Amino acid sequence: MEIPSRPQIPLHLARPTPDGLHTGTDLSYGVRTGDMLRLRRGVYVPAQEWLDAAPWERPVLMIAATALADPETVFCRTSALLLHGIPLLHPPQRIHVRTMRRSSVRITRQTPMTGRLSADAVLAKHRRPPARAAILQGMPTQRHEPMIPPDQHRSAMRSQAQQDRRSAEELLLPQQMLPPTALRICQGPAVGYRAEPLELAAVDTATRLPAADAVVILDAVLARLMAQGTEEDEARRLLLAWKDHVSSRRRRALLQRRLAFADPRAESPGESWSRVRIHELGFVTPELQTRVALETGHARLDFEWRDAGVVGEFDGRIKYLSQQDQTGRSAALAVHEEKIREDGIRRTGRTVVRWGWEDLRRPTTLGTRLCAAGVPRLPSSQIVSL
């Protein structure tokens, strides 16, 4: 899914100044007046920027703030995936980090972002409806011990870490500068992010989420590995190499089913979720990204059931919501060109079925449309639970 670009959001770090003062004084005052929000201890963001941020931007801001507050933090699961630039179907509700100490495994609630000021007061100052109070609740941090293969004992890993005085990232992780979240830091140094390897983060996450969320991740990870020059079969092997780190036989089997279903040709979370819905509804698996010759050239199709003469198009609406798309076309022109394209597809004798996010949330609507268009169904014996 292409997200419209916007200026980077500034984070402010509380720190001493050359004149002997401390920026934390002004930043704390900003919280008391509702102009600033406290994301993590010593890390602040302008309230207006936070309120204007999209749902998928706020977790990234929290990750950056967490790294600023503690540069040794090692991110895992969905937090690591965001740092690697992998799209998620739903914005995560927690920041996930690693710890080598069993006593540290817990969920740490965030101190109030608004300080002693109420969320309603901040929203009123910025002329926002009270219904948006939830976005001022912040995000807790959840700490997890590392995944380990079944032939290793966690107690031995802890002992080794204590004897060698090595931290979790030195045992498991490379340190990386990851540009997808290289936010501008006001009055502070550039921040680097420690994150688990892409393949490990994907495997650790893919069996903990609903099928649609997991397939979105696996589709995108396979596509990323292939874009880096890895063959598809090898990309799947790289992911399966971490299978033994999954804690149970049931989850390992689930990982294999979901990875077998994953398809790197899906180009957005909406297309990945569509594939899951089509499968759950019992329809034959469509071909992805096929091409059809039109009078005006060639068109690439999101989904095609070639034998049935049916084309499926997922309409994410993002390219129509902004005044201009990335090519500079106006929204009205983009809609007009899409209509011409669809009319051209219909003139080839194909039936076109369109759906969007709301149809995926109400799968019976999508099922009715596909059935009416003549999309064939699978035998019930071939419908595998994801």
Foldseek 3Di string as FASTA:
>chain_A
DDDDDDAFFEKEFWDADPVGHIVVVVQVVCLQVLQWWDQAVRIIGGNVCLVPDDLQVQLLVSQVNVCVVPVVWEFFAPQLCVLQVQDFPGRDQATETEFLDPVPFDKAFGDQRSHPDQLVVSCVVVVHDPVPSVSRRHHIYGYDYDQDFPVDDSVVVSVVCVVVVPTPCVVFWDWAARPVSQGHYPPDDGGTHHYGDLLRRLLVHLLVDPLLRNLSRLLQQLLVVVVVPDDSVVSLVSNCVCLSSDDDPVSSVVSVVSNVQHHNLQDHSFLSLVQVLCLVLFFDRWDAQDWDAFPVGIDTAGTDPPVLLEGEHECACSCLVDQHHPVGDGSVVVVVVVVVVVVRSVVVVHHYDYDYDVCSVVVVNVSVRCVVSPGHGDDPVPRDDD
